Amino acid sequence: MILDSLIADATNFARVSGWQAKPEGMCKDDRCVPVPRRSDGLVNVEDLANRLKMPVVHDEKHALWAVGPEAGNGKFLESAVCPDIVLPDLDGNPFALSSLYGQKVLLVAWASW
């Protein structure tokens, strides 16, 4: 999830994440996580992320937070090392992902099925 704040409106947070504020805590499907309730109707996303062992990172330059992914076993991506991927660009020339070394890269995957 990409957020502009770690304090979020409970209704909006439920819409984007599936986690709903209930008296027993934050709940999704049949799972509930005890998170202290706020009287203002907001959710402390960092509390939830910490309790679910979800990574939280902050991009100061763009004032954004990234939270996740959820992992039922507490494991998630342990390294940011990607194998060197070489694919054709729009002109058919080979393009190596490693040519972007040192830059932030967002990979978007799509499948037709």
PDB file of N, CA and C in Angstrom:
ATOM      1  N   MET A   1       0.833  -1.169   0.000  1.00  0.00           N
ATOM      2  CA  MET A   1       0.000   0.000   0.000  1.00  0.00           C
ATOM      3  C   MET A   1       0.882   1.238   0.000  1.00  0.00           C
ATOM      4  N   ILE A   2       0.501   2.224  -0.765  1.00  0.00           N
ATOM      5  CA  ILE A   2       1.176   3.513  -0.768  1.00  0.00           C
ATOM      6  C   ILE A   2       0.247   4.500  -0.070  1.00  0.00           C
ATOM      7  N   LEU A   3       0.768   5.172   0.962  1.00  0.00           N
ATOM      8  CA  LEU A   3      -0.021   6.108   1.761  1.00  0.00           C
ATOM      9  C   LEU A   3       0.712   7.434   1.888  1.00  0.00           C
ATOM     10  N   ASP A   4      -0.040   8.493   2.115  1.00  0.00           N
ATOM     11  CA  ASP A   4       0.608   9.789   2.363  1.00  0.00           C
ATOM     12  C   ASP A   4       0.739  10.072   3.854  1.00  0.00           C
ATOM     13  N   SER A   5       0.193   9.169   4.690  1.00  0.00           N
ATOM     14  CA  SER A   5       0.304   9.309   6.142  1.00  0.00           C
ATOM     15  C   SER A   5       0.097   7.949   6.780  1.00  0.00           C
ATOM     16  N   LEU A   6       0.735   7.719   7.926  1.00  0.00           N
ATOM     17  CA  LEU A   6       0.532   6.474   8.651  1.00  0.00           C
ATOM     18  C   LEU A   6      -0.661   6.564   9.603  1.00  0.00           C
ATOM     19  N   ILE A   7      -1.303   7.709   9.646  1.00  0.00           N
ATOM     20  CA  ILE A   7      -2.563   7.879  10.359  1.00  0.00           C
ATOM     21  C   ILE A   7      -3.624   8.068   9.283  1.00  0.00           C
ATOM     22  N   ALA A   8      -4.552   7.108   9.200  1.00  0.00           N
ATOM     23  CA  ALA A   8      -5.507   7.099   8.084  1.00  0.00           C
ATOM     24  C   ALA A   8      -6.940   7.061   8.586  1.00  0.00           C
ATOM     25  N   ASP A   9      -7.839   7.586   7.784  1.00  0.00           N
ATOM     26  CA  ASP A   9      -9.264   7.486   8.041  1.00  0.00           C
ATOM     27  C   ASP A   9      -9.655   6.016   7.975  1.00  0.00           C
ATOM     28  N   ALA A  10     -10.373   5.526   8.992  1.00  0.00           N
ATOM     29  CA  ALA A  10     -10.707   4.103   9.083  1.00  0.00           C
ATOM     30  C   ALA A  10     -11.510   3.617   7.881  1.00  0.00           C
ATOM     31  N   THR A  11     -12.455   4.406   7.400  1.00  0.00           N
ATOM     32  CA  THR A  11     -13.293   3.998   6.268  1.00  0.00           C
ATOM     33  C   THR A  11     -12.463   3.891   4.991  1.00  0.00           C
ATOM     34  N   ASN A  12     -11.644   4.890   4.725  1.00  0.00           N
ATOM     35  CA  ASN A  12     -10.795   4.850   3.528  1.00  0.00           C
ATOM     36  C   ASN A  12      -9.771   3.730   3.609  1.00  0.00           C
ATOM     37  N   PHE A  13      -9.206   3.524   4.803  1.00  0.00           N
ATOM     38  CA  PHE A  13      -8.212   2.468   4.969  1.00  0.00           C
ATOM     39  C   PHE A  13      -8.848   1.098   4.719  1.00  0.00           C
ATOM     40  N   ALA A  14     -10.062   0.905   5.200  1.00  0.00           N
ATOM     41  CA  ALA A  14     -10.760  -0.361   4.967  1.00  0.00           C
ATOM     42  C   ALA A  14     -10.991  -0.587   3.477  1.00  0.00           C
ATOM     43  N   ARG A  15     -11.311   0.478   2.767  1.00  0.00           N
ATOM     44  CA  ARG A  15     -11.567   0.376   1.323  1.00  0.00           C
ATOM     45  C   ARG A  15     -10.323  -0.066   0.566  1.00  0.00           C
ATOM     46  N   VAL A  16      -9.166   0.471   0.911  1.00  0.00           N
ATOM     47  CA  VAL A  16      -7.951   0.147   0.160  1.00  0.00           C
ATOM     48  C   VAL A  16      -7.222  -1.093   0.667  1.00  0.00           C
ATOM     49  N   SER A  17      -7.414  -1.434   1.947  1.00  0.00           N
ATOM     50  CA  SER A  17      -6.643  -2.542   2.515  1.00  0.00           C
ATOM     51  C   SER A  17      -7.467  -3.769   2.872  1.00  0.00           C
ATOM     52  N   GLY A  18      -8.772  -3.575   3.094  1.00  0.00           N
ATOM     53  CA  GLY A  18      -9.600  -4.684   3.560  1.00  0.00           C
ATOM     54  C   GLY A  18      -9.630  -4.823   5.075  1.00  0.00           C
ATOM     55  N   TRP A  19      -8.798  -4.058   5.802  1.00  0.00           N
ATOM     56  CA  TRP A  19      -8.748  -4.095   7.261  1.00  0.00           C
ATOM     57  C   TRP A  19      -9.761  -3.098   7.809  1.00  0.00           C
ATOM     58  N   GLN A  20     -10.692  -3.600   8.625  1.00  0.00           N
ATOM     59  CA  GLN A  20     -11.750  -2.765   9.182  1.00  0.00           C
ATOM     60  C   GLN A  20     -11.566  -2.595  10.683  1.00  0.00           C
ATOM     61  N   ALA A  21     -11.827  -1.373  11.169  1.00  0.00           N
ATOM     62  CA  ALA A  21     -11.759  -1.103  12.605  1.00  0.00           C
ATOM     63  C   ALA A  21     -13.022  -1.657  13.263  1.00  0.00           C
ATOM     64  N   LYS A  22     -12.828  -2.535  14.245  1.00  0.00           N
ATOM     65  CA  LYS A  22     -13.929  -3.121  15.002  1.00  0.00           C
ATOM     66  C   LYS A  22     -13.578  -3.028  16.483  1.00  0.00           C
ATOM     67  N   PRO A  23     -14.542  -3.266  17.365  1.00  0.00           N
ATOM     68  CA  PRO A  23     -14.239  -3.180  18.800  1.00  0.00           C
ATOM     69  C   PRO A  23     -13.084  -4.080  19.238  1.00  0.00           C
ATOM     70  N   GLU A  24     -12.917  -5.239  18.572  1.00  0.00           N
ATOM     71  CA  GLU A  24     -11.840  -6.157  18.947  1.00  0.00           C
ATOM     72  C   GLU A  24     -10.490  -5.798  18.325  1.00  0.00           C
ATOM     73  N   GLY A  25     -10.442  -4.794  17.481  1.00  0.00           N
ATOM     74  CA  GLY A  25      -9.198  -4.362  16.842  1.00  0.00           C
ATOM     75  C   GLY A  25      -9.402  -4.175  15.354  1.00  0.00           C
ATOM     76  N   MET A  26      -8.344  -4.354  14.588  1.00  0.00           N
ATOM     77  CA  MET A  26      -8.411  -4.276  13.129  1.00  0.00           C
ATOM     78  C   MET A  26      -8.643  -5.687  12.609  1.00  0.00           C
ATOM     79  N   CYS A  27      -9.688  -5.846  11.777  1.00  0.00           N
ATOM     80  CA  CYS A  27     -10.084  -7.175  11.318  1.00  0.00           C
ATOM     81  C   CYS A  27     -10.140  -7.241   9.799  1.00  0.00           C
ATOM     82  N   LYS A  28      -9.718  -8.393   9.284  1.00  0.00           N
ATOM     83  CA  LYS A  28      -9.796  -8.679   7.851  1.00  0.00           C
ATOM     84  C   LYS A  28     -10.200 -10.138   7.717  1.00  0.00           C
ATOM     85  N   ASP A  29     -11.314 -10.368   7.058  1.00  0.00           N
ATOM     86  CA  ASP A  29     -11.876 -11.712   6.956  1.00  0.00           C
ATOM     87  C   ASP A  29     -12.077 -12.252   8.372  1.00  0.00           C
ATOM     88  N   ASP A  30     -11.466 -13.400   8.695  1.00  0.00           N
ATOM     89  CA  ASP A  30     -11.666 -13.974  10.026  1.00  0.00           C
ATOM     90  C   ASP A  30     -10.510 -13.676  10.991  1.00  0.00           C
ATOM     91  N   ARG A  31      -9.587 -12.803  10.584  1.00  0.00           N
ATOM     92  CA  ARG A  31      -8.456 -12.440  11.442  1.00  0.00           C
ATOM     93  C   ARG A  31      -8.690 -11.086  12.083  1.00  0.00           C
ATOM     94  N   CYS A  32      -8.362 -10.977  13.359  1.00  0.00           N
ATOM     95  CA  CYS A  32      -8.412  -9.690  14.058  1.00  0.00           C
ATOM     96  C   CYS A  32      -7.094  -9.477  14.789  1.00  0.00           C
ATOM     97  N   VAL A  33      -6.610  -8.264  14.732  1.00  0.00           N
ATOM     98  CA  VAL A  33      -5.362  -7.893  15.375  1.00  0.00           C
ATOM     99  C   VAL A  33      -5.672  -6.806  16.396  1.00  0.00           C
ATOM    100  N   PRO A  34      -5.310  -7.027  17.665  1.00  0.00           N
ATOM    101  CA  PRO A  34      -5.582  -5.987  18.657  1.00  0.00           C
ATOM    102  C   PRO A  34      -4.708  -4.759  18.415  1.00  0.00           C
ATOM    103  N   VAL A  35      -5.339  -3.673  18.088  1.00  0.00           N
ATOM    104  CA  VAL A  35      -4.657  -2.390  17.876  1.00  0.00           C
ATOM    105  C   VAL A  35      -5.417  -1.366  18.706  1.00  0.00           C
ATOM    106  N   PRO A  36      -4.711  -0.542  19.482  1.00  0.00           N
ATOM    107  CA  PRO A  36      -5.415   0.458  20.297  1.00  0.00           C
ATOM    108  C   PRO A  36      -6.354   1.313  19.444  1.00  0.00           C
ATOM    109  N   ARG A  37      -7.594   1.470  19.926  1.00  0.00           N
ATOM    110  CA  ARG A  37      -8.593   2.280  19.215  1.00  0.00           C
ATOM    111  C   ARG A  37      -8.329   3.752  19.451  1.00  0.00           C
ATOM    112  N   ARG A  38      -8.588   4.516  18.447  1.00  0.00           N
ATOM    113  CA  ARG A  38      -8.500   5.969  18.552  1.00  0.00           C
ATOM    114  C   ARG A  38      -9.915   6.522  18.604  1.00  0.00           C
ATOM    115  N   SER A  39     -10.118   7.553  19.388  1.00  0.00           N
ATOM    116  CA  SER A  39     -11.463   8.128  19.524  1.00  0.00           C
ATOM    117  C   SER A  39     -11.839   9.015  18.341  1.00  0.00           C
ATOM    118  N   ASP A  40     -10.877   9.341  17.478  1.00  0.00           N
ATOM    119  CA  ASP A  40     -11.144  10.256  16.367  1.00  0.00           C
ATOM    120  C   ASP A  40     -11.505   9.555  15.057  1.00  0.00           C
ATOM    121  N   GLY A  41     -11.659   8.217  15.078  1.00  0.00           N
ATOM    122  CA  GLY A  41     -12.034   7.495  13.863  1.00  0.00           C
ATOM    123  C   GLY A  41     -10.884   7.254  12.911  1.00  0.00           C
ATOM    124  N   LEU A  42      -9.669   7.500  13.369  1.00  0.00           N
ATOM    125  CA  LEU A  42      -8.492   7.271  12.531  1.00  0.00           C
ATOM    126  C   LEU A  42      -7.801   5.981  12.941  1.00  0.00           C
ATOM    127  N   VAL A  43      -6.973   5.456  12.053  1.00  0.00           N
ATOM    128  CA  VAL A  43      -6.250   4.210  12.279  1.00  0.00           C
ATOM    129  C   VAL A  43      -4.759   4.511  12.257  1.00  0.00           C
ATOM    130  N   ASN A  44      -4.036   3.963  13.235  1.00  0.00           N
ATOM    131  CA  ASN A  44      -2.580   4.066  13.232  1.00  0.00           C
ATOM    132  C   ASN A  44      -2.059   2.876  12.420  1.00  0.00           C
ATOM    133  N   VAL A  45      -1.764   3.117  11.163  1.00  0.00           N
ATOM    134  CA  VAL A  45      -1.345   2.061  10.242  1.00  0.00           C
ATOM    135  C   VAL A  45      -0.022   1.448  10.687  1.00  0.00           C
ATOM    136  N   GLU A  46       0.845   2.246  11.272  1.00  0.00           N
ATOM    137  CA  GLU A  46       2.138   1.727  11.719  1.00  0.00           C
ATOM    138  C   GLU A  46       1.948   0.685  12.823  1.00  0.00           C
ATOM    139  N   ASP A  47       1.009   0.915  13.749  1.00  0.00           N
ATOM    140  CA  ASP A  47       0.713  -0.080  14.784  1.00  0.00           C
ATOM    141  C   ASP A  47       0.295  -1.400  14.154  1.00  0.00           C
ATOM    142  N   LEU A  48      -0.628  -1.329  13.202  1.00  0.00           N
ATOM    143  CA  LEU A  48      -1.102  -2.536  12.533  1.00  0.00           C
ATOM    144  C   LEU A  48       0.045  -3.233  11.805  1.00  0.00           C
ATOM    145  N   ALA A  49       0.830  -2.471  11.069  1.00  0.00           N
ATOM    146  CA  ALA A  49       1.948  -3.039  10.309  1.00  0.00           C
ATOM    147  C   ALA A  49       2.945  -3.721  11.244  1.00  0.00           C
ATOM    148  N   ASN A  50       3.262  -3.086  12.362  1.00  0.00           N
ATOM    149  CA  ASN A  50       4.199  -3.683  13.315  1.00  0.00           C
ATOM    150  C   ASN A  50       3.663  -4.989  13.879  1.00  0.00           C
ATOM    151  N   ARG A  51       2.384  -5.016  14.195  1.00  0.00           N
ATOM    152  CA  ARG A  51       1.788  -6.228  14.766  1.00  0.00           C
ATOM    153  C   ARG A  51       1.715  -7.358  13.738  1.00  0.00           C
ATOM    154  N   LEU A  52       1.614  -7.017  12.460  1.00  0.00           N
ATOM    155  CA  LEU A  52       1.569  -8.020  11.395  1.00  0.00           C
ATOM    156  C   LEU A  52       2.954  -8.298  10.805  1.00  0.00           C
ATOM    157  N   LYS A  53       3.976  -7.648  11.356  1.00  0.00           N
ATOM    158  CA  LYS A  53       5.362  -7.790  10.864  1.00  0.00           C
ATOM    159  C   LYS A  53       5.478  -7.429   9.390  1.00  0.00           C
ATOM    160  N   MET A  54       4.768  -6.336   9.019  1.00  0.00           N
ATOM    161  CA  MET A  54       4.826  -5.832   7.652  1.00  0.00           C
ATOM    162  C   MET A  54       5.891  -4.742   7.586  1.00  0.00           C
ATOM    163  N   PRO A  55       6.703  -4.726   6.556  1.00  0.00           N
ATOM    164  CA  PRO A  55       7.691  -3.656   6.434  1.00  0.00           C
ATOM    165  C   PRO A  55       7.021  -2.313   6.165  1.00  0.00           C
ATOM    166  N   VAL A  56       7.643  -1.256   6.671  1.00  0.00           N
ATOM    167  CA  VAL A  56       7.159   0.115   6.469  1.00  0.00           C
ATOM    168  C   VAL A  56       8.356   0.947   6.030  1.00  0.00           C
ATOM    169  N   VAL A  57       8.233   1.618   4.887  1.00  0.00           N
ATOM    170  CA  VAL A  57       9.320   2.481   4.409  1.00  0.00           C
ATOM    171  C   VAL A  57       8.760   3.856   4.068  1.00  0.00           C
ATOM    172  N   HIS A  58       9.624   4.860   4.184  1.00  0.00           N
ATOM    173  CA  HIS A  58       9.205   6.244   3.959  1.00  0.00           C
ATOM    174  C   HIS A  58      10.071   6.883   2.884  1.00  0.00           C
ATOM    175  N   ASP A  59       9.438   7.546   1.936  1.00  0.00           N
ATOM    176  CA  ASP A  59      10.130   8.328   0.917  1.00  0.00           C
ATOM    177  C   ASP A  59       9.948   9.790   1.293  1.00  0.00           C
ATOM    178  N   GLU A  60      10.976  10.366   1.946  1.00  0.00           N
ATOM    179  CA  GLU A  60      10.873  11.748   2.420  1.00  0.00           C
ATOM    180  C   GLU A  60      10.660  12.742   1.286  1.00  0.00           C
ATOM    181  N   LYS A  61      11.353  12.533   0.183  1.00  0.00           N
ATOM    182  CA  LYS A  61      11.275  13.478  -0.926  1.00  0.00           C
ATOM    183  C   LYS A  61       9.847  13.649  -1.434  1.00  0.00           C
ATOM    184  N   HIS A  62       9.098  12.557  -1.512  1.00  0.00           N
ATOM    185  CA  HIS A  62       7.736  12.603  -2.040  1.00  0.00           C
ATOM    186  C   HIS A  62       6.670  12.521  -0.950  1.00  0.00           C
ATOM    187  N   ALA A  63       7.109  12.471   0.311  1.00  0.00           N
ATOM    188  CA  ALA A  63       6.203  12.418   1.470  1.00  0.00           C
ATOM    189  C   ALA A  63       5.203  11.265   1.354  1.00  0.00           C
ATOM    190  N   LEU A  64       5.725  10.077   1.017  1.00  0.00           N
ATOM    191  CA  LEU A  64       4.886   8.894   0.882  1.00  0.00           C
ATOM    192  C   LEU A  64       5.412   7.769   1.761  1.00  0.00           C
ATOM    193  N   TRP A  65       4.509   6.890   2.157  1.00  0.00           N
ATOM    194  CA  TRP A  65       4.831   5.698   2.924  1.00  0.00           C
ATOM    195  C   TRP A  65       4.414   4.486   2.116  1.00  0.00           C
ATOM    196  N   ALA A  66       5.212   3.422   2.168  1.00  0.00           N
ATOM    197  CA  ALA A  66       4.846   2.140   1.573  1.00  0.00           C
ATOM    198  C   ALA A  66       4.762   1.124   2.705  1.00  0.00           C
ATOM    199  N   VAL A  67       3.656   0.395   2.755  1.00  0.00           N
ATOM    200  CA  VAL A  67       3.417  -0.584   3.804  1.00  0.00           C
ATOM    201  C   VAL A  67       3.104  -1.919   3.153  1.00  0.00           C
ATOM    202  N   GLY A  68       3.745  -2.960   3.643  1.00  0.00           N
ATOM    203  CA  GLY A  68       3.407  -4.296   3.161  1.00  0.00           C
ATOM    204  C   GLY A  68       4.601  -5.004   2.596  1.00  0.00           C
ATOM    205  N   PRO A  69       4.430  -6.154   2.103  1.00  0.00           N
ATOM    206  CA  PRO A  69       3.184  -6.879   1.919  1.00  0.00           C
ATOM    207  C   PRO A  69       2.799  -7.642   3.174  1.00  0.00           C
ATOM    208  N   GLU A  70       1.546  -8.089   3.203  1.00  0.00           N
ATOM    209  CA  GLU A  70       1.088  -8.939   4.295  1.00  0.00           C
ATOM    210  C   GLU A  70       1.660 -10.325   4.072  1.00  0.00           C
ATOM    211  N   ALA A  71       2.073 -10.949   5.145  1.00  0.00           N
ATOM    212  CA  ALA A  71       2.555 -12.318   5.058  1.00  0.00           C
ATOM    213  C   ALA A  71       2.073 -13.062   6.289  1.00  0.00           C
ATOM    214  N   GLY A  72       1.293 -14.076   6.085  1.00  0.00           N
ATOM    215  CA  GLY A  72       0.757 -14.835   7.201  1.00  0.00           C
ATOM    216  C   GLY A  72       1.828 -15.504   8.044  1.00  0.00           C
ATOM    217  N   ASN A  73       2.983 -15.802   7.436  1.00  0.00           N
ATOM    218  CA  ASN A  73       4.036 -16.475   8.181  1.00  0.00           C
ATOM    219  C   ASN A  73       5.094 -15.508   8.702  1.00  0.00           C
ATOM    220  N   GLY A  74       4.886 -14.202   8.539  1.00  0.00           N
ATOM    221  CA  GLY A  74       5.849 -13.227   9.037  1.00  0.00           C
ATOM    222  C   GLY A  74       7.062 -13.067   8.145  1.00  0.00           C
ATOM    223  N   LYS A  75       7.093 -13.749   6.996  1.00  0.00           N
ATOM    224  CA  LYS A  75       8.235 -13.646   6.083  1.00  0.00           C
ATOM    225  C   LYS A  75       7.849 -12.771   4.909  1.00  0.00           C
ATOM    226  N   PHE A  76       8.795 -12.041   4.415  1.00  0.00           N
ATOM    227  CA  PHE A  76       8.584 -11.210   3.250  1.00  0.00           C
ATOM    228  C   PHE A  76       9.908 -11.094   2.531  1.00  0.00           C
ATOM    229  N   LEU A  77       9.957 -10.318   1.513  1.00  0.00           N
ATOM    230  CA  LEU A  77      11.172 -10.151   0.726  1.00  0.00           C
ATOM    231  C   LEU A  77      12.356  -9.849   1.631  1.00  0.00           C
ATOM    232  N   GLU A  78      13.355 -10.700   1.599  1.00  0.00           N
ATOM    233  CA  GLU A  78      14.497 -10.534   2.489  1.00  0.00           C
ATOM    234  C   GLU A  78      15.658  -9.807   1.838  1.00  0.00           C
ATOM    235  N   SER A  79      15.614  -9.602   0.538  1.00  0.00           N
ATOM    236  CA  SER A  79      16.662  -8.824  -0.116  1.00  0.00           C
ATOM    237  C   SER A  79      16.047  -8.096  -1.304  1.00  0.00           C
ATOM    238  N   ALA A  80      16.710  -7.061  -1.729  1.00  0.00           N
ATOM    239  CA  ALA A  80      16.236  -6.296  -2.870  1.00  0.00           C
ATOM    240  C   ALA A  80      17.087  -6.589  -4.095  1.00  0.00           C
ATOM    241  N   VAL A  81      17.776  -7.725  -4.084  1.00  0.00           N
ATOM    242  CA  VAL A  81      18.632  -8.101  -5.199  1.00  0.00           C
ATOM    243  C   VAL A  81      17.793  -8.827  -6.242  1.00  0.00           C
ATOM    244  N   CYS A  82      17.814  -8.304  -7.429  1.00  0.00           N
ATOM    245  CA  CYS A  82      17.058  -8.895  -8.530  1.00  0.00           C
ATOM    246  C   CYS A  82      18.043  -9.488  -9.532  1.00  0.00           C
ATOM    247  N   PRO A  83      17.740 -10.646 -10.083  1.00  0.00           N
ATOM    248  CA  PRO A  83      18.622 -11.176 -11.118  1.00  0.00           C
ATOM    249  C   PRO A  83      18.632 -10.231 -12.315  1.00  0.00           C
ATOM    250  N   ASP A  84      19.708 -10.267 -13.079  1.00  0.00           N
ATOM    251  CA  ASP A  84      19.781  -9.377 -14.239  1.00  0.00           C
ATOM    252  C   ASP A  84      18.785  -9.851 -15.291  1.00  0.00           C
ATOM    253  N   ILE A  85      17.789  -9.053 -15.520  1.00  0.00           N
ATOM    254  CA  ILE A  85      16.741  -9.359 -16.488  1.00  0.00           C
ATOM    255  C   ILE A  85      17.036  -8.584 -17.762  1.00  0.00           C
ATOM    256  N   VAL A  86      17.042  -9.264 -18.899  1.00  0.00           N
ATOM    257  CA  VAL A  86      17.242  -8.611 -20.190  1.00  0.00           C
ATOM    258  C   VAL A  86      16.025  -8.935 -21.054  1.00  0.00           C
ATOM    259  N   LEU A  87      15.315  -7.883 -21.447  1.00  0.00           N
ATOM    260  CA  LEU A  87      14.121  -8.029 -22.271  1.00  0.00           C
ATOM    261  C   LEU A  87      14.184  -7.035 -23.423  1.00  0.00           C
ATOM    262  N   PRO A  88      13.453  -7.292 -24.496  1.00  0.00           N
ATOM    263  CA  PRO A  88      13.462  -6.335 -25.608  1.00  0.00           C
ATOM    264  C   PRO A  88      12.694  -5.066 -25.244  1.00  0.00           C
ATOM    265  N   ASP A  89      13.221  -3.913 -25.673  1.00  0.00           N
ATOM    266  CA  ASP A  89      12.504  -2.652 -25.473  1.00  0.00           C
ATOM    267  C   ASP A  89      11.469  -2.502 -26.590  1.00  0.00           C
ATOM    268  N   LEU A  90      10.822  -1.353 -26.662  1.00  0.00           N
ATOM    269  CA  LEU A  90       9.766  -1.158 -27.661  1.00  0.00           C
ATOM    270  C   LEU A  90      10.270  -1.246 -29.095  1.00  0.00           C
ATOM    271  N   ASP A  91      11.571  -1.009 -29.299  1.00  0.00           N
ATOM    272  CA  ASP A  91      12.157  -1.104 -30.643  1.00  0.00           C
ATOM    273  C   ASP A  91      12.774  -2.467 -30.914  1.00  0.00           C
ATOM    274  N   GLY A  92      12.647  -3.381 -29.953  1.00  0.00           N
ATOM    275  CA  GLY A  92      13.195  -4.724 -30.133  1.00  0.00           C
ATOM    276  C   GLY A  92      14.641  -4.874 -29.702  1.00  0.00           C
ATOM    277  N   ASN A  93      15.248  -3.808 -29.198  1.00  0.00           N
ATOM    278  CA  ASN A  93      16.635  -3.883 -28.745  1.00  0.00           C
ATOM    279  C   ASN A  93      16.688  -4.439 -27.326  1.00  0.00           C
ATOM    280  N   PRO A  94      17.734  -5.223 -26.993  1.00  0.00           N
ATOM    281  CA  PRO A  94      17.820  -5.769 -25.635  1.00  0.00           C
ATOM    282  C   PRO A  94      18.030  -4.653 -24.608  1.00  0.00           C
ATOM    283  N   PHE A  95      17.305  -4.739 -23.509  1.00  0.00           N
ATOM    284  CA  PHE A  95      17.433  -3.772 -22.420  1.00  0.00           C
ATOM    285  C   PHE A  95      17.692  -4.548 -21.137  1.00  0.00           C
ATOM    286  N   ALA A  96      18.795  -4.224 -20.476  1.00  0.00           N
ATOM    287  CA  ALA A  96      19.172  -4.906 -19.237  1.00  0.00           C
ATOM    288  C   ALA A  96      18.711  -4.088 -18.038  1.00  0.00           C
ATOM    289  N   LEU A  97      18.011  -4.726 -17.137  1.00  0.00           N
ATOM    290  CA  LEU A  97      17.577  -4.062 -15.913  1.00  0.00           C
ATOM    291  C   LEU A  97      18.773  -3.517 -15.138  1.00  0.00           C
ATOM    292  N   SER A  98      19.898  -4.208 -15.204  1.00  0.00           N
ATOM    293  CA  SER A  98      21.089  -3.773 -14.470  1.00  0.00           C
ATOM    294  C   SER A  98      21.605  -2.410 -14.943  1.00  0.00           C
ATOM    295  N   SER A  99      21.178  -1.954 -16.130  1.00  0.00           N
ATOM    296  CA  SER A  99      21.618  -0.643 -16.610  1.00  0.00           C
ATOM    297  C   SER A  99      21.036   0.485 -15.757  1.00  0.00           C
ATOM    298  N   LEU A 100      20.051   0.160 -14.917  1.00  0.00           N
ATOM    299  CA  LEU A 100      19.428   1.150 -14.038  1.00  0.00           C
ATOM    300  C   LEU A 100      19.992   1.082 -12.618  1.00  0.00           C
ATOM    301  N   TYR A 101      21.098   0.378 -12.450  1.00  0.00           N
ATOM    302  CA  TYR A 101      21.691   0.204 -11.121  1.00  0.00           C
ATOM    303  C   TYR A 101      21.859   1.559 -10.421  1.00  0.00           C
ATOM    304  N   GLY A 102      21.451   1.613  -9.146  1.00  0.00           N
ATOM    305  CA  GLY A 102      21.583   2.836  -8.361  1.00  0.00           C
ATOM    306  C   GLY A 102      20.372   3.743  -8.420  1.00  0.00           C
ATOM    307  N   GLN A 103      19.394   3.393  -9.250  1.00  0.00           N
ATOM    308  CA  GLN A 103      18.172   4.187  -9.374  1.00  0.00           C
ATOM    309  C   GLN A 103      16.999   3.402  -8.792  1.00  0.00           C
ATOM    310  N   LYS A 104      15.988   4.105  -8.339  1.00  0.00           N
ATOM    311  CA  LYS A 104      14.778   3.432  -7.894  1.00  0.00           C
ATOM    312  C   LYS A 104      14.046   2.934  -9.132  1.00  0.00           C
ATOM    313  N   VAL A 105      13.565   1.691  -9.074  1.00  0.00           N
ATOM    314  CA  VAL A 105      12.913   1.069 -10.214  1.00  0.00           C
ATOM    315  C   VAL A 105      11.602   0.440  -9.753  1.00  0.00           C
ATOM    316  N   LEU A 106      10.557   0.674 -10.473  1.00  0.00           N
ATOM    317  CA  LEU A 106       9.279   0.031 -10.218  1.00  0.00           C
ATOM    318  C   LEU A 106       9.022  -0.943 -11.351  1.00  0.00           C
ATOM    319  N   LEU A 107       8.876  -2.211 -11.002  1.00  0.00           N
ATOM    320  CA  LEU A 107       8.572  -3.232 -12.015  1.00  0.00           C
ATOM    321  C   LEU A 107       7.094  -3.519 -11.971  1.00  0.00           C
ATOM    322  N   VAL A 108       6.447  -3.448 -13.102  1.00  0.00           N
ATOM    323  CA  VAL A 108       5.027  -3.738 -13.195  1.00  0.00           C
ATOM    324  C   VAL A 108       4.879  -4.958 -14.097  1.00  0.00           C
ATOM    325  N   ALA A 109       4.240  -5.988 -13.578  1.00  0.00           N
ATOM    326  CA  ALA A 109       4.042  -7.205 -14.346  1.00  0.00           C
ATOM    327  C   ALA A 109       2.575  -7.285 -14.763  1.00  0.00           C
ATOM    328  N   TRP A 110       2.350  -7.824 -15.926  1.00  0.00           N
ATOM    329  CA  TRP A 110       0.989  -7.958 -16.435  1.00  0.00           C
ATOM    330  C   TRP A 110       0.894  -9.271 -17.168  1.00  0.00           C
ATOM    331  N   ALA A 111      -0.240  -9.901 -17.049  1.00  0.00           N
ATOM    332  CA  ALA A 111      -0.482 -11.140 -17.780  1.00  0.00           C
ATOM    333  C   ALA A 111      -1.897 -11.081 -18.350  1.00  0.00           C
ATOM    334  N   SER A 112      -2.079 -11.653 -19.507  1.00  0.00           N
ATOM    335  CA  SER A 112      -3.375 -11.579 -20.180  1.00  0.00           C
ATOM    336  C   SER A 112      -4.376 -12.590 -19.660  1.00  0.00           C
ATOM    337  N   TRP A 113      -3.933 -13.545 -18.880  1.00  0.00           N
ATOM    338  CA  TRP A 113      -4.893 -14.544 -18.416  1.00  0.00           C
ATOM    339  C   TRP A 113      -5.541 -14.017 -17.207  1.00  0.00           C
TER     340      TRP A 113
END
